[in-house]
Amino acid sequence: MGSTVRAIHDLGLAVWWGGSLMGTMAMNPAVEVLDDPDERGKMVDEGWALFQPWAAAGLAAAIISHVIMRRHPPKKVSRKFKNTAHVKDALYAVAAVSSVASMALGEYVVHQETDYSPVESNEDEPNFGDDTPAQNSLTAVSIVQLLAGAGIFVAGALLASEREK
């Protein structure tokens, strides 16, 4: 297996997963410092809009290089290699579906019409719709996306060790 294909795979996966991790775990919570919910939405929307082409390119590069590597298995293929490769295939399917779902839900959440109208309340902080079903779904899909990516890294390490045997 060529080191160029492996490098493209690893870089693509790192861009997709690393950016998703940063956005989910750091950028999304960081916008809470903004008082205006409209500004929060604009900031999150703009951040993800700038990252999405990079994420798509990274995931596409990782998937394409994964397919190339799958077409060139080691000379002695163990059962562990086959099983791990199938798991990695499934994880890439989960990664692709969850990435598309995350993008679609993100757009919906940012642009949805909320019934929130600023009225005086006894609560310390108003509810800006963060607990909507769409927001909850987006959070769940983002977690699935990150877990799939972590699984892909682990499966890749296992496959690499099997190739060395």
N, C-alpha and C. Protein backbone atom coordinates (compact mmCIF):
# COMPACT_ATOMS: atom_id res chain seq x y z
N MET A 1 0.86 -1.18 0.00
CA MET A 1 0.00 0.00 0.00
C MET A 1 0.89 1.23 0.00
N GLY A 2 0.59 2.17 -0.86
CA GLY A 2 1.40 3.36 -0.97
C GLY A 2 1.23 4.29 0.22
N SER A 3 2.33 4.87 0.62
CA SER A 3 2.28 5.80 1.75
C SER A 3 1.51 7.07 1.38
N THR A 4 1.45 7.40 0.10
CA THR A 4 0.69 8.58 -0.32
C THR A 4 -0.80 8.39 -0.06
N VAL A 5 -1.31 7.21 -0.41
CA VAL A 5 -2.73 6.92 -0.19
C VAL A 5 -3.03 6.94 1.31
N ARG A 6 -2.14 6.35 2.09
CA ARG A 6 -2.34 6.32 3.55
C ARG A 6 -2.30 7.75 4.12
N ALA A 7 -1.40 8.58 3.63
CA ALA A 7 -1.30 9.97 4.10
C ALA A 7 -2.56 10.76 3.75
N ILE A 8 -3.06 10.56 2.53
CA ILE A 8 -4.31 11.24 2.13
C ILE A 8 -5.45 10.79 3.02
N HIS A 9 -5.52 9.51 3.29
CA HIS A 9 -6.55 8.96 4.17
C HIS A 9 -6.48 9.61 5.55
N ASP A 10 -5.29 9.60 6.14
CA ASP A 10 -5.14 10.11 7.50
C ASP A 10 -5.39 11.62 7.57
N LEU A 11 -4.90 12.37 6.59
CA LEU A 11 -5.13 13.82 6.59
C LEU A 11 -6.61 14.15 6.39
N GLY A 12 -7.26 13.44 5.47
CA GLY A 12 -8.69 13.68 5.25
C GLY A 12 -9.50 13.39 6.49
N LEU A 13 -9.21 12.27 7.13
CA LEU A 13 -9.91 11.89 8.35
C LEU A 13 -9.65 12.90 9.46
N ALA A 14 -8.41 13.35 9.57
CA ALA A 14 -8.06 14.33 10.60
C ALA A 14 -8.80 15.66 10.39
N VAL A 15 -8.88 16.11 9.15
CA VAL A 15 -9.59 17.37 8.87
C VAL A 15 -11.06 17.24 9.22
N TRP A 16 -11.71 16.18 8.74
CA TRP A 16 -13.14 15.98 9.00
C TRP A 16 -13.41 15.83 10.49
N TRP A 17 -12.72 14.91 11.14
CA TRP A 17 -13.01 14.61 12.53
C TRP A 17 -12.53 15.72 13.46
N GLY A 18 -11.34 16.22 13.21
CA GLY A 18 -10.80 17.28 14.07
C GLY A 18 -11.64 18.55 14.03
N GLY A 19 -12.08 18.92 12.85
CA GLY A 19 -12.93 20.11 12.73
C GLY A 19 -14.29 19.89 13.37
N SER A 20 -14.82 18.68 13.21
CA SER A 20 -16.11 18.37 13.83
C SER A 20 -16.00 18.39 15.35
N LEU A 21 -14.90 17.85 15.85
CA LEU A 21 -14.66 17.85 17.30
C LEU A 21 -14.56 19.28 17.83
N MET A 22 -13.76 20.10 17.15
CA MET A 22 -13.60 21.49 17.59
C MET A 22 -14.93 22.24 17.54
N GLY A 23 -15.66 22.07 16.47
CA GLY A 23 -16.93 22.79 16.35
C GLY A 23 -17.95 22.36 17.39
N THR A 24 -18.07 21.04 17.58
CA THR A 24 -19.06 20.52 18.51
C THR A 24 -18.70 20.81 19.97
N MET A 25 -17.44 20.62 20.30
CA MET A 25 -17.03 20.71 21.70
C MET A 25 -16.56 22.10 22.12
N ALA A 26 -16.18 22.94 21.16
CA ALA A 26 -15.64 24.25 21.52
C ALA A 26 -16.43 25.42 20.92
N MET A 27 -16.62 25.43 19.59
CA MET A 27 -17.28 26.58 18.98
C MET A 27 -18.73 26.71 19.42
N ASN A 28 -19.49 25.62 19.33
CA ASN A 28 -20.91 25.70 19.69
C ASN A 28 -21.11 26.20 21.12
N PRO A 29 -20.40 25.65 22.12
CA PRO A 29 -20.57 26.17 23.48
C PRO A 29 -20.03 27.60 23.64
N ALA A 30 -19.00 27.96 22.88
CA ALA A 30 -18.38 29.27 23.04
C ALA A 30 -19.31 30.42 22.67
N VAL A 31 -20.23 30.20 21.74
CA VAL A 31 -21.11 31.30 21.33
C VAL A 31 -22.10 31.68 22.43
N GLU A 32 -22.19 30.87 23.47
CA GLU A 32 -23.10 31.18 24.58
C GLU A 32 -22.71 32.49 25.27
N VAL A 33 -21.47 32.96 25.05
CA VAL A 33 -21.07 34.24 25.66
C VAL A 33 -21.77 35.42 24.99
N LEU A 34 -22.33 35.20 23.81
CA LEU A 34 -23.06 36.26 23.11
C LEU A 34 -24.46 36.37 23.71
N ASP A 35 -24.86 37.58 24.04
CA ASP A 35 -26.16 37.78 24.67
C ASP A 35 -27.32 37.64 23.69
N ASP A 36 -27.13 38.05 22.46
CA ASP A 36 -28.20 38.06 21.47
C ASP A 36 -28.32 36.70 20.80
N PRO A 37 -29.47 36.04 20.92
CA PRO A 37 -29.62 34.72 20.29
C PRO A 37 -29.48 34.76 18.77
N ASP A 38 -29.85 35.89 18.14
CA ASP A 38 -29.67 35.99 16.69
C ASP A 38 -28.19 36.00 16.33
N GLU A 39 -27.38 36.69 17.13
CA GLU A 39 -25.94 36.74 16.90
C GLU A 39 -25.33 35.36 17.11
N ARG A 40 -25.82 34.62 18.11
CA ARG A 40 -25.33 33.26 18.34
C ARG A 40 -25.58 32.42 17.09
N GLY A 41 -26.81 32.49 16.58
CA GLY A 41 -27.16 31.72 15.38
C GLY A 41 -26.29 32.09 14.20
N LYS A 42 -26.07 33.39 13.99
CA LYS A 42 -25.24 33.84 12.88
C LYS A 42 -23.80 33.33 13.03
N MET A 43 -23.27 33.40 14.24
CA MET A 43 -21.90 32.98 14.47
C MET A 43 -21.73 31.48 14.21
N VAL A 44 -22.63 30.68 14.75
CA VAL A 44 -22.57 29.23 14.56
C VAL A 44 -22.77 28.89 13.08
N ASP A 45 -23.75 29.51 12.45
CA ASP A 45 -24.04 29.26 11.05
C ASP A 45 -22.83 29.60 10.19
N GLU A 46 -22.22 30.73 10.42
CA GLU A 46 -21.07 31.15 9.62
C GLU A 46 -19.87 30.22 9.85
N GLY A 47 -19.62 29.86 11.11
CA GLY A 47 -18.51 28.97 11.41
C GLY A 47 -18.66 27.62 10.72
N TRP A 48 -19.84 27.02 10.84
CA TRP A 48 -20.06 25.73 10.20
C TRP A 48 -20.09 25.86 8.68
N ALA A 49 -20.63 26.96 8.16
CA ALA A 49 -20.67 27.15 6.70
C ALA A 49 -19.25 27.23 6.13
N LEU A 50 -18.34 27.86 6.86
CA LEU A 50 -16.95 27.95 6.40
C LEU A 50 -16.25 26.60 6.49
N PHE A 51 -16.63 25.78 7.46
CA PHE A 51 -15.96 24.49 7.64
C PHE A 51 -16.52 23.39 6.75
N GLN A 52 -17.79 23.43 6.40
CA GLN A 52 -18.43 22.33 5.68
C GLN A 52 -17.69 21.90 4.41
N PRO A 53 -17.21 22.81 3.55
CA PRO A 53 -16.48 22.34 2.37
C PRO A 53 -15.21 21.57 2.75
N TRP A 54 -14.52 22.03 3.79
CA TRP A 54 -13.32 21.33 4.26
C TRP A 54 -13.68 19.95 4.81
N ALA A 55 -14.76 19.90 5.57
CA ALA A 55 -15.20 18.62 6.14
C ALA A 55 -15.58 17.65 5.03
N ALA A 56 -16.33 18.12 4.06
CA ALA A 56 -16.75 17.26 2.96
C ALA A 56 -15.54 16.75 2.17
N ALA A 57 -14.60 17.63 1.90
CA ALA A 57 -13.39 17.23 1.16
C ALA A 57 -12.58 16.23 1.98
N GLY A 58 -12.45 16.48 3.27
CA GLY A 58 -11.69 15.57 4.12
C GLY A 58 -12.33 14.20 4.20
N LEU A 59 -13.64 14.17 4.41
CA LEU A 59 -14.33 12.88 4.50
C LEU A 59 -14.30 12.15 3.15
N ALA A 60 -14.48 12.89 2.07
CA ALA A 60 -14.42 12.27 0.74
C ALA A 60 -13.03 11.68 0.48
N ALA A 61 -11.99 12.43 0.82
CA ALA A 61 -10.62 11.92 0.64
C ALA A 61 -10.38 10.67 1.48
N ALA A 62 -10.88 10.68 2.71
CA ALA A 62 -10.71 9.52 3.58
C ALA A 62 -11.46 8.30 3.04
N ILE A 63 -12.68 8.51 2.58
CA ILE A 63 -13.47 7.38 2.06
C ILE A 63 -12.86 6.83 0.78
N ILE A 64 -12.48 7.70 -0.14
CA ILE A 64 -11.89 7.25 -1.41
C ILE A 64 -10.59 6.49 -1.15
N SER A 65 -9.75 7.02 -0.29
CA SER A 65 -8.48 6.33 0.00
C SER A 65 -8.74 5.03 0.77
N HIS A 66 -9.78 5.00 1.59
CA HIS A 66 -10.14 3.76 2.28
C HIS A 66 -10.54 2.69 1.26
N VAL A 67 -11.32 3.07 0.27
CA VAL A 67 -11.72 2.13 -0.78
C VAL A 67 -10.49 1.61 -1.53
N ILE A 68 -9.57 2.50 -1.84
CA ILE A 68 -8.34 2.09 -2.52
C ILE A 68 -7.55 1.10 -1.66
N MET A 69 -7.43 1.39 -0.37
CA MET A 69 -6.70 0.48 0.52
C MET A 69 -7.41 -0.87 0.65
N ARG A 70 -8.74 -0.83 0.64
CA ARG A 70 -9.51 -2.08 0.74
C ARG A 70 -9.30 -2.95 -0.50
N ARG A 71 -9.07 -2.33 -1.63
CA ARG A 71 -8.86 -3.09 -2.87
C ARG A 71 -7.47 -3.70 -2.93
N HIS A 72 -6.61 -3.32 -2.00
CA HIS A 72 -5.24 -3.85 -1.94
C HIS A 72 -4.96 -4.40 -0.54
N PRO A 73 -5.59 -5.53 -0.20
CA PRO A 73 -5.38 -6.09 1.14
C PRO A 73 -3.98 -6.72 1.24
N PRO A 74 -3.55 -7.02 2.45
CA PRO A 74 -2.26 -7.70 2.60
C PRO A 74 -2.30 -9.10 1.96
N LYS A 75 -1.12 -9.67 1.74
CA LYS A 75 -1.06 -10.99 1.09
C LYS A 75 -1.73 -12.06 1.94
N LYS A 76 -1.52 -12.01 3.23
CA LYS A 76 -2.15 -12.95 4.15
C LYS A 76 -3.23 -12.21 4.93
N VAL A 77 -4.48 -12.47 4.56
CA VAL A 77 -5.60 -11.76 5.20
C VAL A 77 -6.15 -12.63 6.33
N SER A 78 -6.07 -12.10 7.54
CA SER A 78 -6.59 -12.83 8.70
C SER A 78 -8.08 -12.52 8.88
N ARG A 79 -8.71 -13.32 9.68
CA ARG A 79 -10.12 -13.09 10.02
C ARG A 79 -10.27 -11.74 10.74
N LYS A 80 -9.31 -11.43 11.61
CA LYS A 80 -9.34 -10.15 12.33
C LYS A 80 -9.29 -8.98 11.34
N PHE A 81 -8.45 -9.11 10.32
CA PHE A 81 -8.36 -8.05 9.31
C PHE A 81 -9.69 -7.88 8.59
N LYS A 82 -10.27 -8.99 8.15
CA LYS A 82 -11.55 -8.93 7.43
C LYS A 82 -12.64 -8.30 8.29
N ASN A 83 -12.76 -8.76 9.53
CA ASN A 83 -13.80 -8.24 10.42
C ASN A 83 -13.60 -6.76 10.71
N THR A 84 -12.36 -6.38 10.97
CA THR A 84 -12.08 -4.97 11.25
C THR A 84 -12.35 -4.11 10.03
N ALA A 85 -12.01 -4.61 8.86
CA ALA A 85 -12.26 -3.85 7.62
C ALA A 85 -13.76 -3.66 7.41
N HIS A 86 -14.55 -4.68 7.70
CA HIS A 86 -16.01 -4.55 7.57
C HIS A 86 -16.57 -3.55 8.58
N VAL A 87 -16.05 -3.57 9.79
CA VAL A 87 -16.47 -2.60 10.80
C VAL A 87 -16.12 -1.18 10.33
N LYS A 88 -14.93 -1.02 9.80
CA LYS A 88 -14.51 0.30 9.31
C LYS A 88 -15.39 0.77 8.15
N ASP A 89 -15.76 -0.16 7.25
CA ASP A 89 -16.69 0.17 6.17
C ASP A 89 -18.00 0.73 6.74
N ALA A 90 -18.53 0.02 7.73
CA ALA A 90 -19.79 0.44 8.35
C ALA A 90 -19.64 1.79 9.06
N LEU A 91 -18.51 1.99 9.71
CA LEU A 91 -18.27 3.27 10.39
C LEU A 91 -18.20 4.42 9.39
N TYR A 92 -17.63 4.17 8.22
CA TYR A 92 -17.61 5.22 7.20
C TYR A 92 -19.02 5.52 6.70
N ALA A 93 -19.86 4.51 6.60
CA ALA A 93 -21.26 4.76 6.21
C ALA A 93 -21.95 5.61 7.27
N VAL A 94 -21.73 5.28 8.54
CA VAL A 94 -22.30 6.07 9.63
C VAL A 94 -21.75 7.50 9.58
N ALA A 95 -20.47 7.64 9.34
CA ALA A 95 -19.84 8.97 9.27
C ALA A 95 -20.46 9.81 8.16
N ALA A 96 -20.65 9.21 6.99
CA ALA A 96 -21.23 9.96 5.87
C ALA A 96 -22.67 10.37 6.15
N VAL A 97 -23.47 9.42 6.62
CA VAL A 97 -24.88 9.72 6.90
C VAL A 97 -25.01 10.75 8.02
N SER A 98 -24.23 10.59 9.08
CA SER A 98 -24.33 11.53 10.20
C SER A 98 -23.81 12.91 9.82
N SER A 99 -22.85 12.97 8.92
CA SER A 99 -22.35 14.28 8.46
C SER A 99 -23.42 15.03 7.67
N VAL A 100 -24.08 14.31 6.77
CA VAL A 100 -25.16 14.93 5.99
C VAL A 100 -26.31 15.34 6.92
N ALA A 101 -26.67 14.45 7.84
CA ALA A 101 -27.75 14.76 8.79
C ALA A 101 -27.38 15.95 9.67
N SER A 102 -26.15 16.01 10.11
CA SER A 102 -25.69 17.13 10.94
C SER A 102 -25.78 18.45 10.19
N MET A 103 -25.37 18.42 8.94
CA MET A 103 -25.44 19.64 8.13
C MET A 103 -26.89 20.08 7.93
N ALA A 104 -27.75 19.13 7.60
CA ALA A 104 -29.16 19.46 7.37
C ALA A 104 -29.84 19.95 8.65
N LEU A 105 -29.62 19.25 9.75
CA LEU A 105 -30.22 19.67 11.01
C LEU A 105 -29.66 21.02 11.47
N GLY A 106 -28.38 21.23 11.25
CA GLY A 106 -27.77 22.52 11.61
C GLY A 106 -28.42 23.67 10.87
N GLU A 107 -28.63 23.48 9.59
CA GLU A 107 -29.31 24.52 8.81
C GLU A 107 -30.73 24.75 9.32
N TYR A 108 -31.42 23.67 9.62
CA TYR A 108 -32.79 23.79 10.10
C TYR A 108 -32.83 24.52 11.44
N VAL A 109 -31.97 24.14 12.36
CA VAL A 109 -31.97 24.75 13.70
C VAL A 109 -31.67 26.24 13.62
N VAL A 110 -30.68 26.60 12.80
CA VAL A 110 -30.29 28.01 12.71
C VAL A 110 -31.37 28.86 12.06
N HIS A 111 -32.07 28.29 11.07
CA HIS A 111 -33.03 29.08 10.30
C HIS A 111 -34.48 28.83 10.66
N GLN A 112 -34.73 28.03 11.68
CA GLN A 112 -36.13 27.74 12.01
C GLN A 112 -36.80 28.97 12.60
N GLU A 113 -38.07 29.05 12.37
CA GLU A 113 -38.86 30.12 12.95
C GLU A 113 -39.24 29.69 14.36
N THR A 114 -38.81 30.42 15.34
CA THR A 114 -39.15 30.08 16.71
C THR A 114 -40.32 30.94 17.17
N ASP A 115 -41.05 30.42 18.11
CA ASP A 115 -42.17 31.15 18.68
C ASP A 115 -41.72 32.01 19.86
N TYR A 116 -40.42 32.08 20.08
CA TYR A 116 -39.92 32.84 21.21
C TYR A 116 -40.14 34.33 20.98
N SER A 117 -40.73 34.97 21.96
CA SER A 117 -40.82 36.42 21.93
C SER A 117 -40.35 36.92 23.28
N PRO A 118 -39.48 37.91 23.29
CA PRO A 118 -38.92 38.35 24.55
C PRO A 118 -39.99 39.00 25.44
N VAL A 119 -40.35 38.33 26.47
CA VAL A 119 -41.27 38.87 27.46
C VAL A 119 -40.62 38.73 28.82
N GLU A 120 -41.04 39.53 29.75
CA GLU A 120 -40.46 39.46 31.08
C GLU A 120 -40.78 38.11 31.69
N SER A 121 -39.81 37.61 32.41
CA SER A 121 -39.96 36.30 33.00
C SER A 121 -39.34 36.30 34.39
N ASN A 122 -39.75 35.37 35.22
CA ASN A 122 -39.15 35.24 36.54
C ASN A 122 -37.86 34.44 36.49
N GLU A 123 -37.59 33.79 35.36
CA GLU A 123 -36.37 33.02 35.23
C GLU A 123 -35.19 33.95 35.07
N ASP A 124 -34.01 33.48 35.51
CA ASP A 124 -32.79 34.28 35.36
C ASP A 124 -32.38 34.39 33.89
N GLU A 125 -32.54 33.32 33.15
CA GLU A 125 -32.17 33.34 31.74
C GLU A 125 -33.34 32.84 30.90
N PRO A 126 -33.65 33.53 29.81
CA PRO A 126 -34.74 33.07 28.95
C PRO A 126 -34.34 31.82 28.18
N ASN A 127 -35.33 31.08 27.71
CA ASN A 127 -35.11 29.90 26.90
C ASN A 127 -35.18 30.33 25.44
N PHE A 128 -34.07 30.18 24.73
CA PHE A 128 -34.01 30.61 23.34
C PHE A 128 -34.27 29.45 22.37
N GLY A 129 -34.90 28.40 22.84
CA GLY A 129 -35.23 27.29 21.97
C GLY A 129 -34.14 26.25 21.86
N ASP A 130 -33.13 26.28 22.75
CA ASP A 130 -32.04 25.33 22.67
C ASP A 130 -32.47 23.91 22.96
N ASP A 131 -33.64 23.74 23.56
CA ASP A 131 -34.07 22.39 23.90
C ASP A 131 -35.13 21.88 22.93
N THR A 132 -35.14 22.39 21.73
CA THR A 132 -36.10 21.93 20.73
C THR A 132 -35.72 20.53 20.27
N PRO A 133 -36.67 19.77 19.75
CA PRO A 133 -36.34 18.43 19.24
C PRO A 133 -35.25 18.47 18.16
N ALA A 134 -35.27 19.47 17.31
CA ALA A 134 -34.25 19.56 16.26
C ALA A 134 -32.87 19.78 16.87
N GLN A 135 -32.78 20.63 17.88
CA GLN A 135 -31.49 20.87 18.53
C GLN A 135 -31.00 19.60 19.23
N ASN A 136 -31.91 18.89 19.89
CA ASN A 136 -31.55 17.64 20.54
C ASN A 136 -31.08 16.61 19.52
N SER A 137 -31.75 16.56 18.38
CA SER A 137 -31.35 15.64 17.32
C SER A 137 -29.98 16.00 16.77
N LEU A 138 -29.74 17.29 16.60
CA LEU A 138 -28.44 17.76 16.11
C LEU A 138 -27.33 17.36 17.08
N THR A 139 -27.58 17.52 18.36
CA THR A 139 -26.58 17.13 19.36
C THR A 139 -26.31 15.63 19.29
N ALA A 140 -27.37 14.83 19.20
CA ALA A 140 -27.21 13.37 19.12
C ALA A 140 -26.45 12.97 17.86
N VAL A 141 -26.79 13.57 16.73
CA VAL A 141 -26.11 13.24 15.47
C VAL A 141 -24.64 13.65 15.53
N SER A 142 -24.36 14.78 16.16
CA SER A 142 -22.97 15.23 16.29
C SER A 142 -22.16 14.25 17.13
N ILE A 143 -22.76 13.73 18.18
CA ILE A 143 -22.08 12.75 19.02
C ILE A 143 -21.84 11.46 18.25
N VAL A 144 -22.85 11.02 17.50
CA VAL A 144 -22.69 9.82 16.67
C VAL A 144 -21.56 10.03 15.66
N GLN A 145 -21.51 11.20 15.08
CA GLN A 145 -20.47 11.53 14.10
C GLN A 145 -19.09 11.44 14.75
N LEU A 146 -18.93 12.00 15.92
CA LEU A 146 -17.64 11.97 16.61
C LEU A 146 -17.26 10.55 17.02
N LEU A 147 -18.24 9.77 17.48
CA LEU A 147 -17.96 8.39 17.86
C LEU A 147 -17.57 7.54 16.64
N ALA A 148 -18.25 7.77 15.52
CA ALA A 148 -17.90 7.05 14.30
C ALA A 148 -16.47 7.38 13.89
N GLY A 149 -16.12 8.65 13.97
CA GLY A 149 -14.75 9.05 13.63
C GLY A 149 -13.72 8.41 14.54
N ALA A 150 -14.00 8.39 15.84
CA ALA A 150 -13.07 7.74 16.78
C ALA A 150 -12.94 6.26 16.45
N GLY A 151 -14.06 5.63 16.12
CA GLY A 151 -14.02 4.23 15.74
C GLY A 151 -13.21 3.99 14.47
N ILE A 152 -13.29 4.91 13.53
CA ILE A 152 -12.52 4.79 12.29
C ILE A 152 -11.03 4.86 12.60
N PHE A 153 -10.64 5.77 13.50
CA PHE A 153 -9.23 5.86 13.89
C PHE A 153 -8.76 4.55 14.52
N VAL A 154 -9.55 3.99 15.43
CA VAL A 154 -9.19 2.74 16.09
C VAL A 154 -9.11 1.60 15.08
N ALA A 155 -10.12 1.49 14.22
CA ALA A 155 -10.11 0.44 13.21
C ALA A 155 -8.91 0.58 12.28
N GLY A 156 -8.57 1.80 11.93
CA GLY A 156 -7.41 2.04 11.08
C GLY A 156 -6.12 1.59 11.74
N ALA A 157 -5.99 1.83 13.04
CA ALA A 157 -4.80 1.38 13.77
C ALA A 157 -4.73 -0.14 13.80
N LEU A 158 -5.88 -0.79 14.02
CA LEU A 158 -5.91 -2.26 14.03
C LEU A 158 -5.55 -2.83 12.66
N LEU A 159 -6.08 -2.22 11.61
CA LEU A 159 -5.77 -2.69 10.26
C LEU A 159 -4.29 -2.49 9.94
N ALA A 160 -3.73 -1.38 10.36
CA ALA A 160 -2.31 -1.13 10.11
C ALA A 160 -1.43 -2.17 10.80
N SER A 161 -1.81 -2.54 12.02
CA SER A 161 -1.01 -3.54 12.73
C SER A 161 -1.16 -4.92 12.07
N GLU A 162 -2.34 -5.20 11.52
CA GLU A 162 -2.54 -6.47 10.82
C GLU A 162 -1.75 -6.49 9.50
N ARG A 163 -1.62 -5.35 8.84
CA ARG A 163 -0.87 -5.27 7.59
C ARG A 163 0.62 -5.55 7.84
N GLU A 164 1.10 -5.17 9.01
CA GLU A 164 2.52 -5.33 9.33
C GLU A 164 2.91 -6.78 9.62
N LYS A 165 1.94 -7.64 9.85
CA LYS A 165 2.24 -9.04 10.18
C LYS A 165 2.70 -9.81 8.97
